[in-house]
Each structure stands twice: as C-alpha cells, then as structure tokens.
C-alpha atoms as a PDB file:
ATOM      1  CA  MET A   1      18.653   3.608   9.097  1.00  0.00           C
ATOM      2  CA  SER A   2      19.173   2.929   5.437  1.00  0.00           C
ATOM      3  CA  ALA A   3      16.754   4.061   2.773  1.00  0.00           C
ATOM      4  CA  ALA A   4      16.144   0.444   1.750  1.00  0.00           C
ATOM      5  CA  LEU A   5      15.148  -0.519   5.306  1.00  0.00           C
ATOM      6  CA  ILE A   6      12.859   2.505   5.663  1.00  0.00           C
ATOM      7  CA  ARG A   7      11.332   1.754   2.238  1.00  0.00           C
ATOM      8  CA  ARG A   8      10.713  -1.847   3.307  1.00  0.00           C
ATOM      9  CA  MET A   9       9.163  -0.739   6.614  1.00  0.00           C
ATOM     10  CA  LEU A  10       6.991   1.804   4.792  1.00  0.00           C
ATOM     11  CA  HIS A  11       5.909  -0.917   2.366  1.00  0.00           C
ATOM     12  CA  GLY A  12       4.902  -3.160   5.275  1.00  0.00           C
ATOM     13  CA  VAL A  13       2.938  -0.420   7.042  1.00  0.00           C
ATOM     14  CA  HIS A  14       1.229   0.496   3.777  1.00  0.00           C
ATOM     15  CA  ALA A  15       0.383  -3.139   3.073  1.00  0.00           C
ATOM     16  CA  VAL A  16      -1.354  -3.530   6.444  1.00  0.00           C
ATOM     17  CA  ALA A  17      -3.056  -0.123   6.191  1.00  0.00           C
ATOM     18  CA  THR A  18      -4.212  -0.809   2.614  1.00  0.00           C
ATOM     19  CA  LEU A  19      -5.757  -4.151   3.556  1.00  0.00           C
ATOM     20  CA  LEU A  20      -7.512  -2.544   6.534  1.00  0.00           C
ATOM     21  CA  LEU A  21      -8.720   0.345   4.376  1.00  0.00           C
ATOM     22  CA  LEU A  22     -10.036  -1.958   1.658  1.00  0.00           C
ATOM     23  CA  ALA A  23     -11.787  -4.261   4.123  1.00  0.00           C
ATOM     24  CA  THR A  24     -13.387  -1.476   6.149  1.00  0.00           C
ATOM     25  CA  GLY A  25     -14.169   0.519   3.010  1.00  0.00           C
ATOM     26  CA  VAL A  26     -16.110  -2.400   1.525  1.00  0.00           C
ATOM     27  CA  VAL A  27     -18.062  -2.801   4.763  1.00  0.00           C
ATOM     28  CA  ILE A  28     -18.804   0.945   4.881  1.00  0.00           C
ATOM     29  CA  TYR A  29     -19.793   1.104   1.197  1.00  0.00           C
ATOM     30  CA  TRP A  30     -22.264  -1.817   1.176  1.00  0.00           C
ATOM     31  CA  PRO A  31     -24.892  -1.502   3.934  1.00  0.00           C
ATOM     32  CA  GLU A  32     -26.260  -5.001   3.278  1.00  0.00           C
ATOM     33  CA  LEU A  33     -22.841  -6.545   3.852  1.00  0.00           C
ATOM     34  CA  ARG A  34     -22.305  -4.364   6.900  1.00  0.00           C
ATOM     35  CA  THR A  35     -25.647  -5.462   8.357  1.00  0.00           C
ATOM     36  CA  ALA A  36     -24.889  -9.129   7.711  1.00  0.00           C
ATOM     37  CA  MET A  37     -21.414  -8.876   9.233  1.00  0.00           C
ATOM     38  CA  ILE A  38     -21.855  -6.596  12.229  1.00  0.00           C
ATOM     39  CA  GLY A  39     -25.599  -6.059  12.491  1.00  0.00           C
ATOM     40  CA  GLY A  40     -25.858  -2.335  11.818  1.00  0.00           C
ATOM     41  CA  TYR A  41     -23.926   0.818  11.137  1.00  0.00           C
ATOM     42  CA  GLY A  42     -20.939   0.112  13.317  1.00  0.00           C
ATOM     43  CA  GLN A  43     -19.121   3.347  14.176  1.00  0.00           C
ATOM     44  CA  ARG A  44     -16.074   1.214  14.984  1.00  0.00           C
ATOM     45  CA  VAL A  45     -15.710   0.256  11.320  1.00  0.00           C
ATOM     46  CA  LEU A  46     -15.555   3.915  10.354  1.00  0.00           C
ATOM     47  CA  ASP A  47     -13.130   4.612  13.209  1.00  0.00           C
ATOM     48  CA  ILE A  48     -10.843   1.778  12.064  1.00  0.00           C
ATOM     49  CA  HIS A  49     -11.022   3.130   8.509  1.00  0.00           C
ATOM     50  CA  LEU A  50     -10.057   6.626   9.667  1.00  0.00           C
ATOM     51  CA  ILE A  51      -7.225   5.342  11.886  1.00  0.00           C
ATOM     52  CA  ALA A  52      -5.847   3.181   9.054  1.00  0.00           C
ATOM     53  CA  GLY A  53      -6.016   6.175   6.703  1.00  0.00           C
ATOM     54  CA  ALA A  54      -4.183   8.332   9.235  1.00  0.00           C
ATOM     55  CA  LEU A  55      -1.565   5.575   9.633  1.00  0.00           C
ATOM     56  CA  PHE A  56      -1.167   5.466   5.853  1.00  0.00           C
ATOM     57  CA  ILE A  57      -0.519   9.232   5.670  1.00  0.00           C
ATOM     58  CA  VAL A  58       1.525   9.614   8.864  1.00  0.00           C
ATOM     59  CA  SER A  59       3.853   6.752   7.902  1.00  0.00           C
ATOM     60  CA  VAL A  60       4.881   8.642   4.753  1.00  0.00           C
ATOM     61  CA  ILE A  61       5.534  11.786   6.765  1.00  0.00           C
ATOM     62  CA  ALA A  62       7.562   9.834   9.340  1.00  0.00           C
ATOM     63  CA  ALA A  63       9.593   8.075   6.622  1.00  0.00           C
ATOM     64  CA  GLY A  64      10.256  11.435   4.950  1.00  0.00           C
ATOM     65  CA  ALA A  65      11.399  12.908   8.256  1.00  0.00           C
ATOM     66  CA  ALA A  66      13.637   9.924   9.000  1.00  0.00           C
ATOM     67  CA  ALA A  67      15.306   9.662   5.584  1.00  0.00           C
ATOM     68  CA  GLY A  68      13.826  12.099   3.071  1.00  0.00           C
ATOM     69  CA  ALA A  69      16.860  12.634   0.841  1.00  0.00           C
ATOM     70  CA  PRO A  70      17.972   8.971   0.751  1.00  0.00           C
ATOM     71  CA  LEU A  71      14.402   7.886  -0.023  1.00  0.00           C
ATOM     72  CA  LEU A  72      14.192  10.365  -2.895  1.00  0.00           C
ATOM     73  CA  GLU A  73      17.558   9.135  -4.201  1.00  0.00           C
ATOM     74  CA  ASP A  74      16.315   5.544  -3.938  1.00  0.00           C
ATOM     75  CA  LEU A  75      13.170   6.516  -5.861  1.00  0.00           C
ATOM     76  CA  ARG A  76      15.261   8.321  -8.498  1.00  0.00           C
ATOM     77  CA  ARG A  77      17.422   5.199  -8.871  1.00  0.00           C
ATOM     78  CA  ARG A  78      14.363   2.948  -9.230  1.00  0.00           C
ATOM     79  CA  LEU A  79      12.892   5.220 -11.893  1.00  0.00           C
ATOM     80  CA  GLY A  80      16.284   5.622 -13.623  1.00  0.00           C
ATOM     81  CA  PRO A  81      17.402   3.207 -16.352  1.00  0.00           C
ATOM     82  CA  PRO A  82      14.701   1.626 -18.480  1.00  0.00           C
ATOM     83  CA  ASP A  83      13.527  -1.886 -17.797  1.00  0.00           C
ATOM     84  CA  PRO A  84      12.395  -4.151 -20.641  1.00  0.00           C
ATOM     85  CA  TRP A  85       8.653  -4.047 -19.984  1.00  0.00           C
ATOM     86  CA  GLY A  86       8.386  -0.777 -18.116  1.00  0.00           C
ATOM     87  CA  TRP A  87       6.099  -2.412 -15.562  1.00  0.00           C
ATOM     88  CA  ARG A  88       8.168  -1.606 -12.463  1.00  0.00           C
ATOM     89  CA  LYS A  89       8.273   2.116 -13.218  1.00  0.00           C
ATOM     90  CA  THR A  90       4.619   2.195 -14.216  1.00  0.00           C
ATOM     91  CA  HIS A  91       3.726   0.402 -11.002  1.00  0.00           C
ATOM     92  CA  ILE A  92       5.730   2.828  -8.844  1.00  0.00           C
ATOM     93  CA  VAL A  93       4.271   5.926 -10.508  1.00  0.00           C
ATOM     94  CA  LEU A  94       0.730   4.472 -10.392  1.00  0.00           C
ATOM     95  CA  ALA A  95       1.091   3.543  -6.713  1.00  0.00           C
ATOM     96  CA  LEU A  96       2.399   7.000  -5.781  1.00  0.00           C
ATOM     97  CA  ALA A  97      -0.283   8.848  -7.770  1.00  0.00           C
ATOM     98  CA  VAL A  98      -3.178   6.704  -6.566  1.00  0.00           C
ATOM     99  CA  SER A  99      -1.953   6.808  -2.954  1.00  0.00           C
ATOM    100  CA  ALA A 100      -1.714  10.597  -3.091  1.00  0.00           C
ATOM    101  CA  GLY A 101      -5.166  10.854  -4.691  1.00  0.00           C
ATOM    102  CA  LEU A 102      -6.732   8.532  -2.125  1.00  0.00           C
ATOM    103  CA  SER A 103      -5.064  10.387   0.742  1.00  0.00           C
ATOM    104  CA  ILE A 104      -6.175  13.815  -0.477  1.00  0.00           C
ATOM    105  CA  SER A 105      -9.730  12.710  -1.273  1.00  0.00           C
ATOM    106  CA  GLY A 106      -9.928  10.856   2.046  1.00  0.00           C
ATOM    107  CA  VAL A 107      -8.946  13.970   3.980  1.00  0.00           C
ATOM    108  CA  VAL A 108     -11.501  15.976   1.986  1.00  0.00           C
ATOM    109  CA  LEU A 109     -14.197  13.410   2.847  1.00  0.00           C
ATOM    110  CA  TRP A 110     -13.175  13.523   6.483  1.00  0.00           C
ATOM    111  CA  LEU A 111     -13.554  17.346   6.485  1.00  0.00           C
ATOM    112  CA  ASP A 112     -16.968  17.269   4.776  1.00  0.00           C
ATOM    113  CA  VAL A 113     -18.610  19.740   7.186  1.00  0.00           C
ATOM    114  CA  ALA A 114     -16.246  22.527   6.136  1.00  0.00           C
ATOM    115  CA  LEU A 115     -16.696  22.097   2.369  1.00  0.00           C
ATOM    116  CA  PRO A 116     -19.416  22.793  -0.188  1.00  0.00           C
ATOM    117  CA  ARG A 117     -21.481  19.812  -1.313  1.00  0.00           C
ATOM    118  CA  PHE A 118     -19.961  19.658  -4.841  1.00  0.00           C
ATOM    119  CA  ALA A 119     -16.434  19.321  -3.363  1.00  0.00           C
ATOM    120  CA  PHE A 120     -17.608  16.498  -1.105  1.00  0.00           C
ATOM    121  CA  ASP A 121     -19.324  14.710  -4.026  1.00  0.00           C
ATOM    122  CA  ALA A 122     -16.257  15.099  -6.271  1.00  0.00           C
ATOM    123  CA  ALA A 123     -13.973  13.785  -3.519  1.00  0.00           C
ATOM    124  CA  HIS A 124     -16.306  10.821  -2.980  1.00  0.00           C
ATOM    125  CA  TRP A 125     -16.317   9.995  -6.697  1.00  0.00           C
ATOM    126  CA  VAL A 126     -12.493  10.258  -6.903  1.00  0.00           C
ATOM    127  CA  HIS A 127     -12.069   8.186  -3.734  1.00  0.00           C
ATOM    128  CA  ASP A 128     -14.344   5.411  -5.047  1.00  0.00           C
ATOM    129  CA  LEU A 129     -12.672   5.345  -8.479  1.00  0.00           C
ATOM    130  CA  LEU A 130      -9.145   5.268  -7.039  1.00  0.00           C
ATOM    131  CA  THR A 131     -10.186   2.531  -4.604  1.00  0.00           C
ATOM    132  CA  ILE A 132     -11.127   0.337  -7.565  1.00  0.00           C
ATOM    133  CA  VAL A 133      -7.811   1.176  -9.249  1.00  0.00           C
ATOM    134  CA  ILE A 134      -5.791   0.338  -6.130  1.00  0.00           C
ATOM    135  CA  ALA A 135      -7.698  -2.931  -5.597  1.00  0.00           C
ATOM    136  CA  LEU A 136      -6.935  -4.031  -9.167  1.00  0.00           C
ATOM    137  CA  ALA A 137      -3.312  -2.881  -8.881  1.00  0.00           C
ATOM    138  CA  LEU A 138      -2.983  -4.822  -5.618  1.00  0.00           C
ATOM    139  CA  VAL A 139      -4.019  -8.036  -7.359  1.00  0.00           C
ATOM    140  CA  VAL A 140      -1.502  -7.413 -10.159  1.00  0.00           C
ATOM    141  CA  HIS A 141       1.170  -6.528  -7.581  1.00  0.00           C
ATOM    142  CA  LEU A 142       0.626  -9.749  -5.652  1.00  0.00           C
ATOM    143  CA  VAL A 143       0.707 -11.882  -8.793  1.00  0.00           C
ATOM    144  CA  ALA A 144       3.851 -10.149 -10.070  1.00  0.00           C
ATOM    145  CA  SER A 145       5.708 -10.578  -6.764  1.00  0.00           C
ATOM    146  CA  ARG A 146       4.471 -14.041  -5.820  1.00  0.00           C
ATOM    147  CA  ARG A 147       7.944 -15.653  -5.968  1.00  0.00           C
ATOM    148  CA  LYS A 148       9.420 -13.068  -3.632  1.00  0.00           C
ATOM    149  CA  ILE A 149       6.449 -13.399  -1.270  1.00  0.00           C
ATOM    150  CA  VAL A 150       6.798 -17.192  -1.124  1.00  0.00           C
ATOM    151  CA  SER A 151      10.564 -17.029  -0.531  1.00  0.00           C
ATOM    152  CA  ARG A 152      10.141 -14.408   2.238  1.00  0.00           C
ATOM    153  CA  VAL A 153       7.445 -16.481   3.977  1.00  0.00           C
ATOM    154  CA  ARG A 154       9.689 -19.553   3.767  1.00  0.00           C
ATOM    155  CA  GLU A 155      12.549 -17.557   5.306  1.00  0.00           C
ATOM    156  CA  TRP A 156      10.312 -16.317   8.159  1.00  0.00           C
ATOM    157  CA  LEU A 157       9.063 -19.845   8.847  1.00  0.00           C
ATOM    158  CA  GLY A 158      12.572 -21.311   8.700  1.00  0.00           C
ATOM    159  CA  LEU A 159      11.697 -23.437   5.664  1.00  0.00           C
ATOM    160  CA  ALA A 160      14.151 -21.839   3.241  1.00  0.00           C
ATOM    161  CA  PRO A 161      16.406 -24.277   1.417  1.00  0.00           C
ATOM    162  CA  PRO A 162      19.984 -24.418   2.726  1.00  0.00           C
ATOM    163  CA  PRO A 163      22.541 -22.363   0.806  1.00  0.00           C
ATOM    164  CA  PRO A 164      24.340 -24.316  -1.927  1.00  0.00           C
ATOM    165  CA  GLU A 165      27.622 -25.913  -0.923  1.00  0.00           C
ATOM    166  CA  PRO A 166      30.720 -24.578  -2.627  1.00  0.00           C
ATOM    167  CA  PHE A 167      31.996 -26.620  -5.565  1.00  0.00           C
ATOM    168  CA  ASP A 168      35.162 -28.546  -4.786  1.00  0.00           C
ATOM    169  CA  PHE A 169      37.705 -28.202  -7.577  1.00  0.00           C
ATOM    170  CA  GLU A 170      40.027 -30.982  -6.354  1.00  0.00           C
ATOM    171  CA  ASP A 171      40.211 -34.175  -8.427  1.00  0.00           C
ATOM    172  CA  ASP A 172      39.893 -37.470  -6.594  1.00  0.00           C
END
C-alpha cells in the first residue's frame, strides 16, 4: 500500500473517530443534555467514547506498522517547502500535537484509579482544553477543504461533471 492511500485511510478513520469522540464527549460532559437525550447516565455512551478513543490510537499504530517510513517521508514532504500562508503546515503540526495531547490525556483519564488526584485533574483540564481546540480546528478544516469535500461527494454519488473533451486542432 502506498503512503498516500494509508494517509487517506487514516484520515477517514480519524474523521469518524473524532466525530464519535466529540459527540459522546459532549453527552458525557453535560449531564442535562445526557438526561434529555438518553434519560440518565448511560454507560454505553462512555463505552462508545472509550472504543472510539482506542480506535483513534490503534489506527495510528497500525498505519505506522504498515508504512512507517513512507508515512514519515510523506509528512516530511508536506512540511518541506514553504507555502504562501503557512496554514497547511500549521494545521498539520496543530493536528498532530493536539491529537497526541488528547490521546495521552485520555489514557491518563482512563487509568484514573492508578494515579494521584492532581494528575487526574491536570489530565482532565488538558483533555477539556484540547477538545475545544480540536472542535474549533475541525470547523476551520471543514471550511478550508469544502471544495474538495464537495467534489469527492459528487464523485461518490456519480454526479461529477464529465471530463473535458480534447480540443480539435483541425480547421474546417
């Protein structure tokens, strides 16, 4: 498999996992919303959140095992020459840093029984802050890539415009 295909698959898995994590995280965080939606605590919501978090982390490990060196080369290439606004590189570095921070703090929260209270509280604060950052970055990401999203959806639905016909150079 090529690094580009693995990167695209990883992006898709992370998109689904991120949406699940945000949705379940909001329901876990606000008890009033949770009560209105599911009528109580709902252990399943927490289970879905933990499974989506594990999927988020395991997918990176699997992608690294499948094509670690090509993925790193692809990342090096993407962070290579400067782009005019610097947004793409900033976005990549922000996404990697926030994803790592959320993953680490999420694992720390999951292991709360084995840690002192201050470590749990710090991890909770970091997890909440980075969740806000990733939610805002997701909105910016979707707005910035809206043309590509629309063209991909059109391709999947078979609504893409036909390719342009070659220009005929012959005079009539």
